[in-house]
Amino acid sequence: MAEKNRVRLARVYTEPEPDEGQRVLVDRLWPRGLKKTDPRVGHWLRAVAPSTELRHWYDHKPERYGEFAARYIQELQSGEEAAGLDELRALVSDGPVTLVTATRELDLSHLTVLAKLLT
């Protein structure tokens, strides 16, 4: 698999595809309506999700995305978040990974920031 295809993005509510590799949920909150054993979730790595404060500030407003991405990258550089990012990098080095979230707009989500950091 080409390096650029090692990280995919998807909504957690979509069915897994056979070649997408390991699914990793990267949200702070558990997705509504899903059981903890739901196979659409995979591994839950909440440490790499944006903080509650940052999520509330961003509020998925497109005009704030650039500032959101910069603040989120700062969060990922320290403490629990940095350890979570290291764990995520290790998963990607083992094979393809699909980052999943409950967010509807993937292009304006934290997943795009993570994908750039991982490729």
PDB file of N, CA and C in Angstrom:
ATOM      1  N   MET A   1       0.845  -1.174   0.000  1.00  0.00           N
ATOM      2  CA  MET A   1       0.000   0.000   0.000  1.00  0.00           C
ATOM      3  C   MET A   1       0.892   1.239   0.000  1.00  0.00           C
ATOM      4  N   ALA A   2       0.549   2.169  -0.842  1.00  0.00           N
ATOM      5  CA  ALA A   2       1.331   3.402  -0.919  1.00  0.00           C
ATOM      6  C   ALA A   2       1.251   4.158   0.404  1.00  0.00           C
ATOM      7  N   GLU A   3       2.308   4.881   0.721  1.00  0.00           N
ATOM      8  CA  GLU A   3       2.386   5.602   1.995  1.00  0.00           C
ATOM      9  C   GLU A   3       1.218   6.558   2.188  1.00  0.00           C
ATOM     10  N   LYS A   4       0.808   7.262   1.124  1.00  0.00           N
ATOM     11  CA  LYS A   4      -0.263   8.236   1.280  1.00  0.00           C
ATOM     12  C   LYS A   4      -1.604   7.582   1.587  1.00  0.00           C
ATOM     13  N   ASN A   5      -1.743   6.296   1.308  1.00  0.00           N
ATOM     14  CA  ASN A   5      -2.989   5.588   1.572  1.00  0.00           C
ATOM     15  C   ASN A   5      -2.979   4.856   2.910  1.00  0.00           C
ATOM     16  N   ARG A   6      -1.952   5.042   3.694  1.00  0.00           N
ATOM     17  CA  ARG A   6      -1.870   4.349   4.975  1.00  0.00           C
ATOM     18  C   ARG A   6      -2.826   4.933   6.004  1.00  0.00           C
ATOM     19  N   VAL A   7      -3.268   6.156   5.789  1.00  0.00           N
ATOM     20  CA  VAL A   7      -4.200   6.799   6.706  1.00  0.00           C
ATOM     21  C   VAL A   7      -5.429   7.224   5.920  1.00  0.00           C
ATOM     22  N   ARG A   8      -6.564   6.689   6.312  1.00  0.00           N
ATOM     23  CA  ARG A   8      -7.839   7.058   5.707  1.00  0.00           C
ATOM     24  C   ARG A   8      -8.706   7.734   6.756  1.00  0.00           C
ATOM     25  N   LEU A   9      -9.731   8.413   6.286  1.00  0.00           N
ATOM     26  CA  LEU A   9     -10.664   9.095   7.177  1.00  0.00           C
ATOM     27  C   LEU A   9     -12.073   8.596   6.894  1.00  0.00           C
ATOM     28  N   ALA A  10     -12.869   8.429   7.959  1.00  0.00           N
ATOM     29  CA  ALA A  10     -14.249   7.969   7.782  1.00  0.00           C
ATOM     30  C   ALA A  10     -15.080   8.365   8.990  1.00  0.00           C
ATOM     31  N   ARG A  11     -16.371   8.388   8.773  1.00  0.00           N
ATOM     32  CA  ARG A  11     -17.295   8.556   9.905  1.00  0.00           C
ATOM     33  C   ARG A  11     -17.424   7.212  10.596  1.00  0.00           C
ATOM     34  N   VAL A  12     -17.534   7.226  11.886  1.00  0.00           N
ATOM     35  CA  VAL A  12     -17.605   6.002  12.667  1.00  0.00           C
ATOM     36  C   VAL A  12     -18.872   5.212  12.344  1.00  0.00           C
ATOM     37  N   TYR A  13     -19.873   5.880  11.823  1.00  0.00           N
ATOM     38  CA  TYR A  13     -21.150   5.219  11.541  1.00  0.00           C
ATOM     39  C   TYR A  13     -21.151   4.456  10.224  1.00  0.00           C
ATOM     40  N   THR A  14     -20.121   4.623   9.394  1.00  0.00           N
ATOM     41  CA  THR A  14     -20.048   3.887   8.135  1.00  0.00           C
ATOM     42  C   THR A  14     -19.512   2.482   8.386  1.00  0.00           C
ATOM     43  N   GLU A  15     -19.917   1.573   7.535  1.00  0.00           N
ATOM     44  CA  GLU A  15     -19.443   0.190   7.656  1.00  0.00           C
ATOM     45  C   GLU A  15     -17.977   0.108   7.239  1.00  0.00           C
ATOM     46  N   PRO A  16     -17.188  -0.706   7.944  1.00  0.00           N
ATOM     47  CA  PRO A  16     -15.779  -0.880   7.572  1.00  0.00           C
ATOM     48  C   PRO A  16     -15.640  -1.533   6.194  1.00  0.00           C
ATOM     49  N   GLU A  17     -14.617  -1.109   5.463  1.00  0.00           N
ATOM     50  CA  GLU A  17     -14.295  -1.718   4.181  1.00  0.00           C
ATOM     51  C   GLU A  17     -13.193  -2.741   4.416  1.00  0.00           C
ATOM     52  N   PRO A  18     -13.142  -3.780   3.578  1.00  0.00           N
ATOM     53  CA  PRO A  18     -12.180  -4.865   3.819  1.00  0.00           C
ATOM     54  C   PRO A  18     -10.715  -4.437   3.839  1.00  0.00           C
ATOM     55  N   ASP A  19     -10.347  -3.417   3.077  1.00  0.00           N
ATOM     56  CA  ASP A  19      -8.932  -3.046   2.962  1.00  0.00           C
ATOM     57  C   ASP A  19      -8.558  -1.775   3.732  1.00  0.00           C
ATOM     58  N   GLU A  20      -9.408  -1.334   4.647  1.00  0.00           N
ATOM     59  CA  GLU A  20      -9.115  -0.070   5.319  1.00  0.00           C
ATOM     60  C   GLU A  20      -8.199  -0.203   6.526  1.00  0.00           C
ATOM     61  N   GLY A  21      -7.854  -1.401   6.907  1.00  0.00           N
ATOM     62  CA  GLY A  21      -6.948  -1.578   8.035  1.00  0.00           C
ATOM     63  C   GLY A  21      -7.655  -1.402   9.364  1.00  0.00           C
ATOM     64  N   GLN A  22      -6.869  -1.051  10.367  1.00  0.00           N
ATOM     65  CA  GLN A  22      -7.418  -0.892  11.713  1.00  0.00           C
ATOM     66  C   GLN A  22      -8.145   0.430  11.837  1.00  0.00           C
ATOM     67  N   ARG A  23      -9.333   0.404  12.436  1.00  0.00           N
ATOM     68  CA  ARG A  23     -10.078   1.635  12.704  1.00  0.00           C
ATOM     69  C   ARG A  23      -9.674   2.179  14.065  1.00  0.00           C
ATOM     70  N   VAL A  24      -9.503   3.505  14.119  1.00  0.00           N
ATOM     71  CA  VAL A  24      -9.138   4.157  15.374  1.00  0.00           C
ATOM     72  C   VAL A  24     -10.071   5.351  15.575  1.00  0.00           C
ATOM     73  N   LEU A  25     -10.890   5.278  16.610  1.00  0.00           N
ATOM     74  CA  LEU A  25     -11.769   6.378  16.974  1.00  0.00           C
ATOM     75  C   LEU A  25     -10.938   7.424  17.706  1.00  0.00           C
ATOM     76  N   VAL A  26     -10.961   8.663  17.205  1.00  0.00           N
ATOM     77  CA  VAL A  26     -10.152   9.727  17.800  1.00  0.00           C
ATOM     78  C   VAL A  26     -11.036  10.884  18.258  1.00  0.00           C
ATOM     79  N   ASP A  27     -12.071  10.561  18.994  1.00  0.00           N
ATOM     80  CA  ASP A  27     -12.979  11.545  19.595  1.00  0.00           C
ATOM     81  C   ASP A  27     -12.868  11.464  21.107  1.00  0.00           C
ATOM     82  N   ARG A  28     -13.072  12.574  21.800  1.00  0.00           N
ATOM     83  CA  ARG A  28     -13.077  12.584  23.267  1.00  0.00           C
ATOM     84  C   ARG A  28     -14.308  11.893  23.821  1.00  0.00           C
ATOM     85  N   LEU A  29     -15.433  12.056  23.117  1.00  0.00           N
ATOM     86  CA  LEU A  29     -16.693  11.493  23.587  1.00  0.00           C
ATOM     87  C   LEU A  29     -17.060  10.262  22.780  1.00  0.00           C
ATOM     88  N   TRP A  30     -17.718   9.313  23.453  1.00  0.00           N
ATOM     89  CA  TRP A  30     -18.167   8.111  22.768  1.00  0.00           C
ATOM     90  C   TRP A  30     -19.312   8.473  21.810  1.00  0.00           C
ATOM     91  N   PRO A  31     -19.311   7.934  20.591  1.00  0.00           N
ATOM     92  CA  PRO A  31     -20.364   8.267  19.621  1.00  0.00           C
ATOM     93  C   PRO A  31     -21.742   7.797  20.079  1.00  0.00           C
ATOM     94  N   ARG A  32     -22.725   8.645  19.876  1.00  0.00           N
ATOM     95  CA  ARG A  32     -24.096   8.320  20.267  1.00  0.00           C
ATOM     96  C   ARG A  32     -24.614   7.115  19.489  1.00  0.00           C
ATOM     97  N   GLY A  33     -25.327   6.272  20.214  1.00  0.00           N
ATOM     98  CA  GLY A  33     -25.998   5.147  19.585  1.00  0.00           C
ATOM     99  C   GLY A  33     -25.135   3.932  19.315  1.00  0.00           C
ATOM    100  N   LEU A  34     -23.869   3.958  19.683  1.00  0.00           N
ATOM    101  CA  LEU A  34     -22.988   2.818  19.435  1.00  0.00           C
ATOM    102  C   LEU A  34     -22.619   2.126  20.744  1.00  0.00           C
ATOM    103  N   LYS A  35     -22.623   0.807  20.701  1.00  0.00           N
ATOM    104  CA  LYS A  35     -22.186   0.032  21.864  1.00  0.00           C
ATOM    105  C   LYS A  35     -20.665  -0.010  21.894  1.00  0.00           C
ATOM    106  N   LYS A  36     -20.132  -0.249  23.060  1.00  0.00           N
ATOM    107  CA  LYS A  36     -18.667  -0.311  23.203  1.00  0.00           C
ATOM    108  C   LYS A  36     -18.047  -1.433  22.371  1.00  0.00           C
ATOM    109  N   THR A  37     -18.835  -2.427  22.011  1.00  0.00           N
ATOM    110  CA  THR A  37     -18.327  -3.567  21.246  1.00  0.00           C
ATOM    111  C   THR A  37     -18.582  -3.433  19.745  1.00  0.00           C
ATOM    112  N   ASP A  38     -19.090  -2.302  19.297  1.00  0.00           N
ATOM    113  CA  ASP A  38     -19.417  -2.120  17.879  1.00  0.00           C
ATOM    114  C   ASP A  38     -18.145  -2.189  17.032  1.00  0.00           C
ATOM    115  N   PRO A  39     -18.112  -3.051  16.006  1.00  0.00           N
ATOM    116  CA  PRO A  39     -16.902  -3.199  15.182  1.00  0.00           C
ATOM    117  C   PRO A  39     -16.572  -1.972  14.332  1.00  0.00           C
ATOM    118  N   ARG A  40     -17.491  -1.034  14.200  1.00  0.00           N
ATOM    119  CA  ARG A  40     -17.216   0.180  13.426  1.00  0.00           C
ATOM    120  C   ARG A  40     -16.273   1.129  14.165  1.00  0.00           C
ATOM    121  N   VAL A  41     -16.089   0.887  15.462  1.00  0.00           N
ATOM    122  CA  VAL A  41     -15.257   1.769  16.276  1.00  0.00           C
ATOM    123  C   VAL A  41     -13.794   1.373  16.211  1.00  0.00           C
ATOM    124  N   GLY A  42     -13.480   0.116  16.453  1.00  0.00           N
ATOM    125  CA  GLY A  42     -12.085  -0.308  16.515  1.00  0.00           C
ATOM    126  C   GLY A  42     -11.453   0.105  17.826  1.00  0.00           C
ATOM    127  N   HIS A  43     -10.272   0.674  17.743  1.00  0.00           N
ATOM    128  CA  HIS A  43      -9.501   1.103  18.909  1.00  0.00           C
ATOM    129  C   HIS A  43      -9.876   2.551  19.243  1.00  0.00           C
ATOM    130  N   TRP A  44     -10.161   2.846  20.515  1.00  0.00           N
ATOM    131  CA  TRP A  44     -10.517   4.210  20.919  1.00  0.00           C
ATOM    132  C   TRP A  44      -9.287   4.885  21.496  1.00  0.00           C
ATOM    133  N   LEU A  45      -8.842   5.944  20.854  1.00  0.00           N
ATOM    134  CA  LEU A  45      -7.663   6.684  21.292  1.00  0.00           C
ATOM    135  C   LEU A  45      -8.071   8.141  21.537  1.00  0.00           C
ATOM    136  N   ARG A  46      -8.721   8.358  22.666  1.00  0.00           N
ATOM    137  CA  ARG A  46      -9.277   9.679  22.948  1.00  0.00           C
ATOM    138  C   ARG A  46      -8.229  10.729  23.293  1.00  0.00           C
ATOM    139  N   ALA A  47      -7.017  10.304  23.642  1.00  0.00           N
ATOM    140  CA  ALA A  47      -5.972  11.258  24.030  1.00  0.00           C
ATOM    141  C   ALA A  47      -5.564  12.182  22.885  1.00  0.00           C
ATOM    142  N   VAL A  48      -5.767  11.763  21.637  1.00  0.00           N
ATOM    143  CA  VAL A  48      -5.361  12.614  20.516  1.00  0.00           C
ATOM    144  C   VAL A  48      -6.488  13.507  20.004  1.00  0.00           C
ATOM    145  N   ALA A  49      -7.641  13.434  20.616  1.00  0.00           N
ATOM    146  CA  ALA A  49      -8.755  14.292  20.209  1.00  0.00           C
ATOM    147  C   ALA A  49      -8.540  15.704  20.743  1.00  0.00           C
ATOM    148  N   PRO A  50      -9.086  16.694  20.068  1.00  0.00           N
ATOM    149  CA  PRO A  50      -8.968  18.071  20.579  1.00  0.00           C
ATOM    150  C   PRO A  50      -9.622  18.194  21.958  1.00  0.00           C
ATOM    151  N   SER A  51      -9.094  19.098  22.756  1.00  0.00           N
ATOM    152  CA  SER A  51      -9.655  19.325  24.090  1.00  0.00           C
ATOM    153  C   SER A  51     -11.095  19.820  23.974  1.00  0.00           C
ATOM    154  N   THR A  52     -11.828  19.659  25.048  1.00  0.00           N
ATOM    155  CA  THR A  52     -13.211  20.137  25.082  1.00  0.00           C
ATOM    156  C   THR A  52     -13.262  21.639  24.835  1.00  0.00           C
ATOM    157  N   GLU A  53     -12.349  22.367  25.440  1.00  0.00           N
ATOM    158  CA  GLU A  53     -12.313  23.814  25.267  1.00  0.00           C
ATOM    159  C   GLU A  53     -12.090  24.198  23.803  1.00  0.00           C
ATOM    160  N   LEU A  54     -11.158  23.514  23.144  1.00  0.00           N
ATOM    161  CA  LEU A  54     -10.870  23.813  21.743  1.00  0.00           C
ATOM    162  C   LEU A  54     -12.057  23.438  20.851  1.00  0.00           C
ATOM    163  N   ARG A  55     -12.659  22.306  21.122  1.00  0.00           N
ATOM    164  CA  ARG A  55     -13.837  21.901  20.334  1.00  0.00           C
ATOM    165  C   ARG A  55     -14.954  22.929  20.453  1.00  0.00           C
ATOM    166  N   HIS A  56     -15.215  23.378  21.660  1.00  0.00           N
ATOM    167  CA  HIS A  56     -16.280  24.357  21.864  1.00  0.00           C
ATOM    168  C   HIS A  56     -15.956  25.686  21.188  1.00  0.00           C
ATOM    169  N   TRP A  57     -14.703  26.115  21.263  1.00  0.00           N
ATOM    170  CA  TRP A  57     -14.309  27.357  20.607  1.00  0.00           C
ATOM    171  C   TRP A  57     -14.481  27.245  19.089  1.00  0.00           C
ATOM    172  N   TYR A  58     -14.005  26.148  18.520  1.00  0.00           N
ATOM    173  CA  TYR A  58     -14.048  25.956  17.064  1.00  0.00           C
ATOM    174  C   TYR A  58     -15.486  25.870  16.549  1.00  0.00           C
ATOM    175  N   ASP A  59     -16.301  25.049  17.174  1.00  0.00           N
ATOM    176  CA  ASP A  59     -17.714  24.923  16.841  1.00  0.00           C
ATOM    177  C   ASP A  59     -17.959  24.634  15.356  1.00  0.00           C
ATOM    178  N   HIS A  60     -16.997  24.028  14.695  1.00  0.00           N
ATOM    179  CA  HIS A  60     -17.063  23.660  13.263  1.00  0.00           C
ATOM    180  C   HIS A  60     -17.398  24.836  12.352  1.00  0.00           C
ATOM    181  N   LYS A  61     -16.896  25.995  12.707  1.00  0.00           N
ATOM    182  CA  LYS A  61     -17.079  27.175  11.862  1.00  0.00           C
ATOM    183  C   LYS A  61     -15.917  27.223  10.868  1.00  0.00           C
ATOM    184  N   PRO A  62     -16.205  27.105   9.582  1.00  0.00           N
ATOM    185  CA  PRO A  62     -15.142  27.032   8.565  1.00  0.00           C
ATOM    186  C   PRO A  62     -14.117  28.164   8.654  1.00  0.00           C
ATOM    187  N   GLU A  63     -14.548  29.364   8.987  1.00  0.00           N
ATOM    188  CA  GLU A  63     -13.618  30.486   9.060  1.00  0.00           C
ATOM    189  C   GLU A  63     -12.617  30.343  10.210  1.00  0.00           C
ATOM    190  N   ARG A  64     -12.867  29.456  11.143  1.00  0.00           N
ATOM    191  CA  ARG A  64     -11.952  29.235  12.272  1.00  0.00           C
ATOM    192  C   ARG A  64     -11.036  28.028  12.063  1.00  0.00           C
ATOM    193  N   TYR A  65     -11.182  27.327  10.947  1.00  0.00           N
ATOM    194  CA  TYR A  65     -10.449  26.075  10.772  1.00  0.00           C
ATOM    195  C   TYR A  65      -8.929  26.263  10.851  1.00  0.00           C
ATOM    196  N   GLY A  66      -8.385  27.274  10.194  1.00  0.00           N
ATOM    197  CA  GLY A  66      -6.931  27.487  10.220  1.00  0.00           C
ATOM    198  C   GLY A  66      -6.400  27.683  11.626  1.00  0.00           C
ATOM    199  N   GLU A  67      -7.065  28.512  12.396  1.00  0.00           N
ATOM    200  CA  GLU A  67      -6.667  28.745  13.790  1.00  0.00           C
ATOM    201  C   GLU A  67      -6.884  27.490  14.629  1.00  0.00           C
ATOM    202  N   PHE A  68      -7.972  26.774  14.364  1.00  0.00           N
ATOM    203  CA  PHE A  68      -8.241  25.520  15.062  1.00  0.00           C
ATOM    204  C   PHE A  68      -7.099  24.534  14.827  1.00  0.00           C
ATOM    205  N   ALA A  69      -6.700  24.369  13.567  1.00  0.00           N
ATOM    206  CA  ALA A  69      -5.625  23.425  13.237  1.00  0.00           C
ATOM    207  C   ALA A  69      -4.331  23.790  13.959  1.00  0.00           C
ATOM    208  N   ALA A  70      -3.997  25.072  13.988  1.00  0.00           N
ATOM    209  CA  ALA A  70      -2.766  25.513  14.669  1.00  0.00           C
ATOM    210  C   ALA A  70      -2.834  25.241  16.165  1.00  0.00           C
ATOM    211  N   ARG A  71      -3.966  25.548  16.779  1.00  0.00           N
ATOM    212  CA  ARG A  71      -4.124  25.290  18.218  1.00  0.00           C
ATOM    213  C   ARG A  71      -4.109  23.800  18.524  1.00  0.00           C
ATOM    214  N   TYR A  72      -4.718  23.039  17.656  1.00  0.00           N
ATOM    215  CA  TYR A  72      -4.763  21.585  17.856  1.00  0.00           C
ATOM    216  C   TYR A  72      -3.371  20.976  17.762  1.00  0.00           C
ATOM    217  N   ILE A  73      -2.587  21.423  16.813  1.00  0.00           N
ATOM    218  CA  ILE A  73      -1.206  20.930  16.700  1.00  0.00           C
ATOM    219  C   ILE A  73      -0.425  21.257  17.969  1.00  0.00           C
ATOM    220  N   GLN A  74      -0.647  22.435  18.522  1.00  0.00           N
ATOM    221  CA  GLN A  74       0.008  22.791  19.791  1.00  0.00           C
ATOM    222  C   GLN A  74      -0.402  21.825  20.898  1.00  0.00           C
ATOM    223  N   GLU A  75      -1.678  21.506  20.968  1.00  0.00           N
ATOM    224  CA  GLU A  75      -2.147  20.560  21.988  1.00  0.00           C
ATOM    225  C   GLU A  75      -1.477  19.203  21.842  1.00  0.00           C
ATOM    226  N   LEU A  76      -1.244  18.791  20.606  1.00  0.00           N
ATOM    227  CA  LEU A  76      -0.670  17.469  20.350  1.00  0.00           C
ATOM    228  C   LEU A  76       0.817  17.379  20.683  1.00  0.00           C
ATOM    229  N   GLN A  77       1.417  18.478  21.057  1.00  0.00           N
ATOM    230  CA  GLN A  77       2.848  18.488  21.318  1.00  0.00           C
ATOM    231  C   GLN A  77       3.220  18.326  22.787  1.00  0.00           C
ATOM    232  N   SER A  78       2.229  18.094  23.656  1.00  0.00           N
ATOM    233  CA  SER A  78       2.580  17.963  25.062  1.00  0.00           C
ATOM    234  C   SER A  78       1.706  16.943  25.769  1.00  0.00           C
ATOM    235  N   GLY A  79       2.238  16.417  26.842  1.00  0.00           N
ATOM    236  CA  GLY A  79       1.503  15.555  27.760  1.00  0.00           C
ATOM    237  C   GLY A  79       0.855  14.335  27.151  1.00  0.00           C
ATOM    238  N   GLU A  80      -0.346  14.082  27.615  1.00  0.00           N
ATOM    239  CA  GLU A  80      -1.110  12.912  27.206  1.00  0.00           C
ATOM    240  C   GLU A  80      -1.348  12.901  25.699  1.00  0.00           C
ATOM    241  N   GLU A  81      -1.542  14.071  25.127  1.00  0.00           N
ATOM    242  CA  GLU A  81      -1.790  14.176  23.700  1.00  0.00           C
ATOM    243  C   GLU A  81      -0.580  13.722  22.890  1.00  0.00           C
ATOM    244  N   ALA A  82       0.615  14.115  23.312  1.00  0.00           N
ATOM    245  CA  ALA A  82       1.833  13.709  22.612  1.00  0.00           C
ATOM    246  C   ALA A  82       2.025  12.203  22.688  1.00  0.00           C
ATOM    247  N   ALA A  83       1.752  11.621  23.847  1.00  0.00           N
ATOM    248  CA  ALA A  83       1.853  10.169  23.990  1.00  0.00           C
ATOM    249  C   ALA A  83       0.836   9.471  23.093  1.00  0.00           C
ATOM    250  N   GLY A  84      -0.369  10.026  23.012  1.00  0.00           N
ATOM    251  CA  GLY A  84      -1.389   9.461  22.139  1.00  0.00           C
ATOM    252  C   GLY A  84      -0.993   9.530  20.676  1.00  0.00           C
ATOM    253  N   LEU A  85      -0.380  10.651  20.277  1.00  0.00           N
ATOM    254  CA  LEU A  85       0.081  10.792  18.897  1.00  0.00           C
ATOM    255  C   LEU A  85       1.182   9.782  18.589  1.00  0.00           C
ATOM    256  N   ASP A  86       2.078   9.547  19.542  1.00  0.00           N
ATOM    257  CA  ASP A  86       3.107   8.526  19.361  1.00  0.00           C
ATOM    258  C   ASP A  86       2.480   7.146  19.190  1.00  0.00           C
ATOM    259  N   GLU A  87       1.461   6.851  19.969  1.00  0.00           N
ATOM    260  CA  GLU A  87       0.762   5.568  19.846  1.00  0.00           C
ATOM    261  C   GLU A  87       0.100   5.451  18.472  1.00  0.00           C
ATOM    262  N   LEU A  88      -0.487   6.518  18.011  1.00  0.00           N
ATOM    263  CA  LEU A  88      -1.127   6.530  16.702  1.00  0.00           C
ATOM    264  C   LEU A  88      -0.095   6.334  15.594  1.00  0.00           C
ATOM    265  N   ARG A  89       1.053   6.984  15.723  1.00  0.00           N
ATOM    266  CA  ARG A  89       2.129   6.794  14.730  1.00  0.00           C
ATOM    267  C   ARG A  89       2.592   5.340  14.687  1.00  0.00           C
ATOM    268  N   ALA A  90       2.664   4.704  15.841  1.00  0.00           N
ATOM    269  CA  ALA A  90       3.057   3.296  15.889  1.00  0.00           C
ATOM    270  C   ALA A  90       2.030   2.419  15.179  1.00  0.00           C
ATOM    271  N   LEU A  91       0.755   2.713  15.361  1.00  0.00           N
ATOM    272  CA  LEU A  91      -0.291   1.948  14.677  1.00  0.00           C
ATOM    273  C   LEU A  91      -0.171   2.100  13.168  1.00  0.00           C
ATOM    274  N   VAL A  92       0.100   3.317  12.712  1.00  0.00           N
ATOM    275  CA  VAL A  92       0.238   3.567  11.276  1.00  0.00           C
ATOM    276  C   VAL A  92       1.468   2.848  10.722  1.00  0.00           C
ATOM    277  N   SER A  93       2.537   2.780  11.492  1.00  0.00           N
ATOM    278  CA  SER A  93       3.740   2.086  11.010  1.00  0.00           C
ATOM    279  C   SER A  93       3.526   0.582  10.903  1.00  0.00           C
ATOM    280  N   ASP A  94       2.542   0.055  11.646  1.00  0.00           N
ATOM    281  CA  ASP A  94       2.228  -1.375  11.583  1.00  0.00           C
ATOM    282  C   ASP A  94       1.343  -1.741  10.401  1.00  0.00           C
ATOM    283  N   GLY A  95       0.677  -0.773   9.812  1.00  0.00           N
ATOM    284  CA  GLY A  95      -0.206  -1.054   8.689  1.00  0.00           C
ATOM    285  C   GLY A  95      -1.212   0.054   8.499  1.00  0.00           C
ATOM    286  N   PRO A  96      -2.097  -0.113   7.527  1.00  0.00           N
ATOM    287  CA  PRO A  96      -3.074   0.950   7.263  1.00  0.00           C
ATOM    288  C   PRO A  96      -4.010   1.193   8.436  1.00  0.00           C
ATOM    289  N   VAL A  97      -4.381   2.447   8.595  1.00  0.00           N
ATOM    290  CA  VAL A  97      -5.262   2.867   9.687  1.00  0.00           C
ATOM    291  C   VAL A  97      -6.345   3.768   9.105  1.00  0.00           C
ATOM    292  N   THR A  98      -7.557   3.593   9.594  1.00  0.00           N
ATOM    293  CA  THR A  98      -8.647   4.503   9.256  1.00  0.00           C
ATOM    294  C   THR A  98      -9.035   5.252  10.514  1.00  0.00           C
ATOM    295  N   LEU A  99      -8.835   6.567  10.484  1.00  0.00           N
ATOM    296  CA  LEU A  99      -9.234   7.409  11.605  1.00  0.00           C
ATOM    297  C   LEU A  99     -10.728   7.660  11.485  1.00  0.00           C
ATOM    298  N   VAL A 100     -11.454   7.413  12.567  1.00  0.00           N
ATOM    299  CA  VAL A 100     -12.900   7.600  12.526  1.00  0.00           C
ATOM    300  C   VAL A 100     -13.354   8.590  13.593  1.00  0.00           C
ATOM    301  N   THR A 101     -14.454   9.262  13.277  1.00  0.00           N
ATOM    302  CA  THR A 101     -15.035  10.270  14.145  1.00  0.00           C
ATOM    303  C   THR A 101     -16.536  10.296  13.934  1.00  0.00           C
ATOM    304  N   ALA A 102     -17.243  10.862  14.877  1.00  0.00           N
ATOM    305  CA  ALA A 102     -18.686  11.034  14.722  1.00  0.00           C
ATOM    306  C   ALA A 102     -19.008  12.299  13.940  1.00  0.00           C
ATOM    307  N   THR A 103     -18.051  13.163  13.763  1.00  0.00           N
ATOM    308  CA  THR A 103     -18.243  14.431  13.069  1.00  0.00           C
ATOM    309  C   THR A 103     -18.727  14.218  11.642  1.00  0.00           C
ATOM    310  N   ARG A 104     -19.657  15.046  11.217  1.00  0.00           N
ATOM    311  CA  ARG A 104     -20.209  14.921   9.862  1.00  0.00           C
ATOM    312  C   ARG A 104     -19.281  15.464   8.787  1.00  0.00           C
ATOM    313  N   GLU A 105     -18.608  16.571   9.051  1.00  0.00           N
ATOM    314  CA  GLU A 105     -17.770  17.214   8.037  1.00  0.00           C
ATOM    315  C   GLU A 105     -16.307  16.845   8.249  1.00  0.00           C
ATOM    316  N   LEU A 106     -15.883  15.785   7.593  1.00  0.00           N
ATOM    317  CA  LEU A 106     -14.524  15.288   7.781  1.00  0.00           C
ATOM    318  C   LEU A 106     -13.469  16.293   7.328  1.00  0.00           C
ATOM    319  N   ASP A 107     -13.746  17.024   6.238  1.00  0.00           N
ATOM    320  CA  ASP A 107     -12.757  17.959   5.717  1.00  0.00           C
ATOM    321  C   ASP A 107     -12.453  19.113   6.663  1.00  0.00           C
ATOM    322  N   LEU A 108     -13.366  19.418   7.552  1.00  0.00           N
ATOM    323  CA  LEU A 108     -13.171  20.512   8.506  1.00  0.00           C
ATOM    324  C   LEU A 108     -12.971  19.989   9.925  1.00  0.00           C
ATOM    325  N   SER A 109     -12.557  18.741  10.036  1.00  0.00           N
ATOM    326  CA  SER A 109     -12.412  18.129  11.356  1.00  0.00           C
ATOM    327  C   SER A 109     -10.949  17.968  11.748  1.00  0.00           C
ATOM    328  N   HIS A 110     -10.755  17.508  12.965  1.00  0.00           N
ATOM    329  CA  HIS A 110      -9.410  17.238  13.470  1.00  0.00           C
ATOM    330  C   HIS A 110      -8.753  16.069  12.740  1.00  0.00           C
ATOM    331  N   LEU A 111      -9.532  15.238  12.061  1.00  0.00           N
ATOM    332  CA  LEU A 111      -8.973  14.112  11.326  1.00  0.00           C
ATOM    333  C   LEU A 111      -8.036  14.570  10.223  1.00  0.00           C
ATOM    334  N   THR A 112      -8.379  15.645   9.547  1.00  0.00           N
ATOM    335  CA  THR A 112      -7.495  16.128   8.474  1.00  0.00           C
ATOM    336  C   THR A 112      -6.152  16.592   9.024  1.00  0.00           C
ATOM    337  N   VAL A 113      -6.178  17.192  10.201  1.00  0.00           N
ATOM    338  CA  VAL A 113      -4.935  17.635  10.841  1.00  0.00           C
ATOM    339  C   VAL A 113      -4.093  16.417  11.216  1.00  0.00           C
ATOM    340  N   LEU A 114      -4.719  15.426  11.835  1.00  0.00           N
ATOM    341  CA  LEU A 114      -3.999  14.214  12.214  1.00  0.00           C
ATOM    342  C   LEU A 114      -3.414  13.511  10.999  1.00  0.00           C
ATOM    343  N   ALA A 115      -4.214  13.398   9.940  1.00  0.00           N
ATOM    344  CA  ALA A 115      -3.743  12.702   8.738  1.00  0.00           C
ATOM    345  C   ALA A 115      -2.486  13.371   8.173  1.00  0.00           C
ATOM    346  N   LYS A 116      -2.445  14.706   8.161  1.00  0.00           N
ATOM    347  CA  LYS A 116      -1.261  15.406   7.662  1.00  0.00           C
ATOM    348  C   LYS A 116      -0.052  15.139   8.545  1.00  0.00           C
ATOM    349  N   LEU A 117      -0.273  15.057   9.850  1.00  0.00           N
ATOM    350  CA  LEU A 117       0.845  14.792  10.764  1.00  0.00           C
ATOM    351  C   LEU A 117       1.364  13.360  10.634  1.00  0.00           C
ATOM    352  N   LEU A 118       0.511  12.455  10.198  1.00  0.00           N
ATOM    353  CA  LEU A 118       0.878  11.043  10.135  1.00  0.00           C
ATOM    354  C   LEU A 118       1.440  10.611   8.789  1.00  0.00           C
ATOM    355  N   THR A 119       1.330  11.463   7.771  1.00  0.00           N
ATOM    356  CA  THR A 119       1.827  11.056   6.434  1.00  0.00           C
ATOM    357  C   THR A 119       3.025  11.879   6.026  1.00  0.00           C
TER     358      THR A 119
END
